Amino acid sequence: MKWTFEKENVMILRDFLREEQGFSRRILKSIISDGGEILVNGKSATLRYKLKHGDRITVKFPDEKKGNHMLPDDIPIQIVYEDDFVLVLDKPAGMATIPSLHHQTGTIANAVLFHYAKQGLPYTVHVVTRLDRDTSGLLLIAKHRYSHSKLSIGQKQGRVKRKYIAIVEGVPKPTKGVIHANIGRKADSIIERTVREDGQSAITNYEVVKDDGQYALVAIQLETGRTHQIRVHFSYIGYPLAGDDLYGGSLDKINRQALHSCELQFEHPETKEWLAFTSEIPDDMKKILSS
């Protein structure tokens, strides 16, 4: 990564990287101690270096360590957008985002590592907007720690926005509203979540788009990103997602939860440009309301 210092006043290199470019202390420490490099005008420089107008700053990240289960896997992925900082994918249902102890291959992360390897990129996978295995749609991945750090901060400040569409059993009343109910882990389960007073705050905005009396297509905007948030919230108010048998949905019409990440917007971590992407509702969900 490269910048030219254009201010007339002298500025400490550390302050430039932290205040102007958004580097965290942790990332700067990693660059220095893990084999990365910080250069000014082509020469190694300490963070105490005093920048002058016209100085050229270069930051080289160290190779990133990958977890034991993070192995490249030659799996096709649908790339919606890619640059040196981010990767936006359209994930199919039935594909996990990251490996687990019992499913170490065949995931989005494995496929992305193979994609990186083909390009000679020394990165691991930094997922910003993770999706459940059976949820389809748009997924945001940061290409390196610097990008991930800035996107994570942006996410907390509302600069990463996600919209979903779901098909629920029944027609929610009211047809437009906000579900605000804390979510925590269900007792004696490592997977299932539930509404509980001592859980983390969770807010889901929704609006019914259309219905046939038995099922409803619902547009959803998240204000928080808790595990299984949409699935738990709609089950809690009595309208579980079609196909979501973990939270009370029926498998009569679809064999996975009818949930799709249809819109993703975010502020680019480097250019500050506002990017927006959309994904059409998949066929298995379309068939529920058309059958």
Protein backbone atom coordinates (compact mmCIF):
# COMPACT_ATOMS: atom_id res chain seq x y z
CA MET A 1 0.00 0.00 0.00
CA LYS A 2 1.33 3.42 -0.97
CA TRP A 3 0.55 7.05 -0.19
CA THR A 4 2.18 10.42 -0.79
CA PHE A 5 2.23 12.83 2.15
CA GLU A 6 0.73 16.05 0.84
CA LYS A 7 0.45 18.21 3.96
CA GLU A 8 2.73 21.19 4.44
CA ASN A 9 3.12 20.66 8.18
CA VAL A 10 5.40 17.96 9.59
CA MET A 11 3.58 14.88 10.91
CA ILE A 12 4.82 11.79 12.76
CA LEU A 13 4.56 8.64 10.62
CA ARG A 14 2.72 6.78 13.40
CA ASP A 15 0.08 9.53 13.57
CA PHE A 16 -0.33 9.52 9.78
CA LEU A 17 -0.93 5.78 9.67
CA ARG A 18 -3.27 5.73 12.67
CA GLU A 19 -5.21 8.97 12.23
CA GLU A 20 -5.20 9.41 8.45
CA GLN A 21 -5.20 5.80 7.26
CA GLY A 22 -6.98 3.98 10.08
CA PHE A 23 -4.27 1.51 11.14
CA SER A 24 -4.87 0.04 14.59
CA ARG A 25 -2.08 -0.39 17.15
CA ARG A 26 -2.42 -4.14 16.76
CA ILE A 27 -1.90 -4.04 12.99
CA LEU A 28 1.11 -1.71 13.24
CA LYS A 29 2.65 -3.98 15.87
CA SER A 30 2.09 -7.00 13.63
CA ILE A 31 3.69 -5.29 10.62
CA ILE A 32 6.80 -4.46 12.64
CA SER A 33 7.18 -7.75 14.54
CA ASP A 34 5.87 -10.34 12.04
CA GLY A 35 8.00 -9.59 9.01
CA GLY A 36 6.25 -6.67 7.36
CA GLU A 37 7.90 -3.39 6.44
CA ILE A 38 7.23 0.36 6.55
CA LEU A 39 9.19 2.46 4.06
CA VAL A 40 9.51 6.18 3.44
CA ASN A 41 11.00 7.14 0.09
CA GLY A 42 12.07 3.52 -0.40
CA LYS A 43 13.96 3.24 2.89
CA SER A 44 12.94 1.51 6.12
CA ALA A 45 11.53 3.99 8.64
CA THR A 46 10.46 3.90 12.27
CA LEU A 47 7.04 5.07 13.39
CA ARG A 48 8.74 8.14 14.90
CA TYR A 49 9.86 9.38 11.47
CA LYS A 50 8.76 12.97 10.79
CA LEU A 51 6.97 13.12 7.46
CA LYS A 52 7.52 16.08 5.16
CA HIS A 53 5.55 17.24 2.13
CA GLY A 54 6.15 14.88 -0.81
CA ASP A 55 7.35 11.90 1.23
CA ARG A 56 6.26 8.55 -0.25
CA ILE A 57 5.02 6.00 2.30
CA THR A 58 4.87 2.28 1.56
CA VAL A 59 3.49 -0.40 3.88
CA LYS A 60 4.21 -4.07 3.18
CA PHE A 61 2.14 -6.54 5.18
CA PRO A 62 3.68 -9.76 6.52
CA ASP A 63 2.42 -13.06 5.16
CA GLU A 64 -0.69 -14.00 7.10
CA LYS A 65 -0.85 -17.20 9.13
CA LYS A 66 -3.65 -19.55 8.20
CA GLY A 67 -5.50 -21.83 10.58
CA ASN A 68 -5.00 -25.59 10.45
CA HIS A 69 -8.32 -26.07 8.62
CA MET A 70 -7.74 -23.24 6.14
CA LEU A 71 -6.65 -25.15 3.05
CA PRO A 72 -7.16 -24.14 -0.61
CA ASP A 73 -9.93 -26.02 -2.40
CA ASP A 74 -10.66 -25.73 -6.14
CA ILE A 75 -14.35 -24.85 -5.87
CA PRO A 76 -16.11 -22.40 -8.24
CA ILE A 77 -17.24 -19.17 -6.59
CA GLN A 78 -19.43 -16.42 -8.01
CA ILE A 79 -17.47 -13.17 -7.70
CA VAL A 80 -19.64 -10.07 -7.82
CA TYR A 81 -16.84 -7.56 -7.19
CA GLU A 82 -13.12 -7.66 -6.42
CA ASP A 83 -10.27 -5.19 -5.93
CA ASP A 84 -7.11 -5.05 -3.81
CA PHE A 85 -9.11 -4.53 -0.61
CA VAL A 86 -12.40 -6.43 -0.77
CA LEU A 87 -14.14 -9.40 -2.33
CA VAL A 88 -17.93 -9.63 -2.73
CA LEU A 89 -19.37 -13.09 -3.46
CA ASP A 90 -22.83 -14.48 -4.16
CA LYS A 91 -22.94 -17.58 -1.98
CA PRO A 92 -25.13 -20.57 -2.84
CA ALA A 93 -27.26 -22.24 -0.19
CA GLY A 94 -25.74 -25.38 1.31
CA MET A 95 -22.17 -24.06 1.43
CA ALA A 96 -20.62 -23.10 4.77
CA THR A 97 -18.73 -19.83 5.00
CA ILE A 98 -15.75 -21.12 6.99
CA PRO A 99 -14.45 -24.61 7.87
CA SER A 100 -15.38 -26.34 11.10
CA LEU A 101 -13.92 -29.32 12.93
CA HIS A 102 -16.25 -31.74 11.13
CA HIS A 103 -16.39 -29.92 7.75
CA GLN A 104 -12.84 -28.88 6.93
CA THR A 105 -13.24 -28.50 3.16
CA GLY A 106 -15.85 -27.39 0.66
CA THR A 107 -16.43 -23.97 2.22
CA ILE A 108 -16.33 -20.42 0.89
CA ALA A 109 -13.07 -19.86 2.80
CA ASN A 110 -11.41 -22.88 1.15
CA ALA A 111 -12.50 -21.64 -2.27
CA VAL A 112 -11.28 -18.09 -1.60
CA LEU A 113 -7.87 -19.38 -0.50
CA PHE A 114 -7.56 -21.25 -3.81
CA HIS A 115 -8.56 -18.05 -5.64
CA TYR A 116 -5.88 -16.12 -3.73
CA ALA A 117 -3.26 -18.79 -4.41
CA LYS A 118 -3.85 -18.49 -8.16
CA GLN A 119 -3.09 -14.77 -7.87
CA GLY A 120 -0.06 -15.26 -5.62
CA LEU A 121 -1.72 -13.42 -2.73
CA PRO A 122 -0.39 -14.29 0.77
CA TYR A 123 -3.69 -13.64 2.55
CA THR A 124 -6.00 -15.64 4.74
CA VAL A 125 -9.78 -15.15 4.72
CA HIS A 126 -11.34 -12.27 6.69
CA VAL A 127 -15.13 -12.60 6.59
CA VAL A 128 -16.99 -9.35 7.31
CA THR A 129 -20.62 -10.46 6.80
CA ARG A 130 -20.83 -14.16 7.51
CA LEU A 131 -23.82 -16.22 6.31
CA ASP A 132 -25.17 -19.51 7.67
CA ARG A 133 -24.55 -22.62 5.56
CA ASP A 134 -28.10 -22.68 4.19
CA THR A 135 -28.49 -18.92 3.73
CA SER A 136 -27.76 -17.74 0.19
CA GLY A 137 -26.68 -14.39 -1.19
CA LEU A 138 -24.16 -11.59 -0.92
CA LEU A 139 -21.13 -12.04 1.30
CA LEU A 140 -18.40 -9.45 2.06
CA ILE A 141 -14.79 -10.52 2.59
CA ALA A 142 -11.85 -8.26 3.45
CA LYS A 143 -8.66 -9.20 1.64
CA HIS A 144 -6.24 -8.40 4.45
CA ARG A 145 -6.10 -7.34 8.11
CA TYR A 146 -5.99 -3.62 7.34
CA SER A 147 -9.12 -3.77 5.20
CA HIS A 148 -10.84 -6.02 7.73
CA SER A 149 -10.06 -3.66 10.59
CA LYS A 150 -11.52 -0.65 8.76
CA LEU A 151 -14.62 -2.54 7.62
CA SER A 152 -15.22 -3.89 11.13
CA ILE A 153 -15.12 -0.35 12.52
CA GLY A 154 -17.39 0.81 9.70
CA GLN A 155 -19.80 -2.02 10.44
CA LYS A 156 -20.14 -0.90 14.07
CA GLN A 157 -20.74 2.67 12.85
CA GLY A 158 -23.42 1.69 10.34
CA ARG A 159 -21.29 1.93 7.20
CA VAL A 160 -21.94 -1.70 6.25
CA LYS A 161 -25.61 -2.28 5.48
CA ARG A 162 -27.31 -5.58 4.67
CA LYS A 163 -30.79 -6.34 3.44
CA TYR A 164 -32.36 -9.78 3.32
CA ILE A 165 -35.48 -11.35 1.92
CA ALA A 166 -37.14 -14.26 3.67
CA ILE A 167 -40.23 -16.34 3.24
CA VAL A 168 -42.03 -16.96 6.53
CA GLU A 169 -44.93 -19.19 7.46
CA GLY A 170 -48.06 -17.10 7.92
CA VAL A 171 -48.38 -13.34 7.45
CA PRO A 172 -46.73 -11.25 10.19
CA LYS A 173 -48.93 -8.77 12.01
CA PRO A 174 -48.31 -5.92 11.82
CA THR A 175 -47.07 -6.21 8.24
CA LYS A 176 -44.34 -3.63 8.96
CA GLY A 177 -42.45 -3.39 12.22
CA VAL A 178 -39.35 -3.77 14.36
CA ILE A 179 -38.39 -6.83 16.39
CA HIS A 180 -36.21 -5.79 19.33
CA ALA A 181 -35.40 -8.82 21.47
CA ASN A 182 -32.08 -9.84 22.99
CA ILE A 183 -30.50 -13.03 21.66
CA GLY A 184 -28.22 -15.47 23.45
CA ARG A 185 -27.09 -19.07 23.26
CA LYS A 186 -29.74 -21.64 24.16
CA ALA A 187 -28.89 -23.64 27.25
CA ASP A 188 -27.21 -26.99 26.51
CA SER A 189 -26.73 -26.17 22.80
CA ILE A 190 -23.65 -24.99 20.95
CA ILE A 191 -25.65 -24.18 17.82
CA GLU A 192 -29.12 -22.97 18.72
CA ARG A 193 -29.87 -19.41 19.85
CA THR A 194 -32.91 -18.06 21.63
CA VAL A 195 -34.45 -14.84 22.89
CA ARG A 196 -33.32 -14.20 26.45
CA GLU A 197 -33.15 -11.14 28.66
CA ASP A 198 -29.42 -11.50 29.34
CA GLY A 199 -28.59 -11.91 25.64
CA GLN A 200 -27.05 -9.37 23.29
CA SER A 201 -29.21 -6.59 21.92
CA ALA A 202 -30.71 -7.54 18.54
CA ILE A 203 -32.86 -5.36 16.28
CA THR A 204 -34.58 -6.51 13.06
CA ASN A 205 -36.67 -4.22 10.83
CA TYR A 206 -39.12 -5.93 8.47
CA GLU A 207 -41.89 -5.31 5.97
CA VAL A 208 -44.16 -7.80 4.21
CA VAL A 209 -43.74 -7.42 0.44
CA LYS A 210 -46.41 -9.90 -0.66
CA ASP A 211 -48.22 -12.95 0.63
CA ASP A 212 -50.64 -15.70 -0.39
CA GLY A 213 -52.25 -16.05 3.00
CA GLN A 214 -50.12 -19.05 3.93
CA TYR A 215 -46.63 -17.68 3.27
CA ALA A 216 -45.23 -14.14 3.17
CA LEU A 217 -42.23 -12.64 1.39
CA VAL A 218 -40.58 -10.29 3.88
CA ALA A 219 -37.92 -7.60 3.30
CA ILE A 220 -35.55 -7.33 6.24
CA GLN A 221 -33.02 -4.70 7.34
CA LEU A 222 -30.68 -5.60 10.19
CA GLU A 223 -29.43 -3.09 12.73
CA THR A 224 -27.35 -5.73 14.53
CA GLY A 225 -25.73 -8.96 13.38
CA ARG A 226 -26.30 -11.66 15.97
CA THR A 227 -25.92 -15.34 15.14
CA HIS A 228 -29.19 -16.68 13.61
CA GLN A 229 -30.80 -13.29 14.33
CA ILE A 230 -33.45 -13.30 11.58
CA ARG A 231 -34.32 -16.96 12.15
CA VAL A 232 -34.64 -16.54 15.92
CA HIS A 233 -36.61 -13.29 15.76
CA PHE A 234 -39.26 -14.53 13.33
CA SER A 235 -39.65 -17.78 15.22
CA TYR A 236 -40.03 -15.74 18.41
CA ILE A 237 -42.95 -13.70 17.03
CA GLY A 238 -44.65 -16.82 15.70
CA TYR A 239 -43.71 -16.75 12.01
CA PRO A 240 -40.74 -19.12 11.48
CA LEU A 241 -38.91 -19.15 8.19
CA ALA A 242 -40.06 -21.77 5.71
CA GLY A 243 -37.64 -24.68 5.73
CA ASP A 244 -36.05 -23.70 9.05
CA ASP A 245 -36.74 -26.84 11.04
CA LEU A 246 -34.25 -25.80 13.74
CA TYR A 247 -36.54 -22.95 14.73
CA GLY A 248 -39.97 -24.43 14.01
CA GLY A 249 -40.28 -24.08 10.23
CA SER A 250 -41.71 -26.78 7.96
CA LEU A 251 -39.76 -28.60 5.23
CA ASP A 252 -42.87 -29.02 3.07
CA LYS A 253 -41.91 -26.36 0.50
CA ILE A 254 -38.13 -26.00 0.78
CA ASN A 255 -35.36 -28.03 2.39
CA ARG A 256 -33.38 -25.10 3.81
CA GLN A 257 -34.27 -21.88 5.59
CA ALA A 258 -35.82 -19.52 3.02
CA LEU A 259 -33.39 -16.67 3.61
CA HIS A 260 -31.37 -14.71 1.06
CA SER A 261 -28.91 -11.82 1.43
CA CYS A 262 -30.24 -9.66 -1.41
CA GLU A 263 -28.50 -6.31 -0.92
CA LEU A 264 -25.11 -5.24 0.41
CA GLN A 265 -23.85 -1.68 0.75
CA PHE A 266 -20.65 -0.46 2.35
CA GLU A 267 -18.12 2.33 2.41
CA HIS A 268 -14.95 1.19 0.68
CA PRO A 269 -12.15 0.94 3.28
CA GLU A 270 -9.66 2.86 1.14
CA THR A 271 -11.45 5.07 -1.40
CA LYS A 272 -14.43 5.89 0.90
CA GLU A 273 -16.68 5.33 -2.13
CA TRP A 274 -20.13 3.96 -1.28
CA LEU A 275 -20.58 0.61 -3.07
CA ALA A 276 -23.91 -1.18 -3.51
CA PHE A 277 -24.67 -4.68 -4.84
CA THR A 278 -27.85 -6.71 -5.30
CA SER A 279 -28.69 -10.38 -5.79
CA GLU A 280 -31.93 -11.85 -7.13
CA ILE A 281 -34.09 -14.19 -5.08
CA PRO A 282 -33.10 -17.82 -5.87
CA ASP A 283 -35.45 -20.22 -7.64
CA ASP A 284 -36.13 -22.47 -4.63
CA MET A 285 -37.57 -19.48 -2.77
CA LYS A 286 -39.50 -18.13 -5.78
CA LYS A 287 -41.35 -21.43 -6.11
CA ILE A 288 -42.88 -21.22 -2.63
CA LEU A 289 -45.15 -18.27 -3.42
CA SER A 290 -45.74 -19.24 -7.03
CA SER A 291 -46.82 -22.83 -6.32
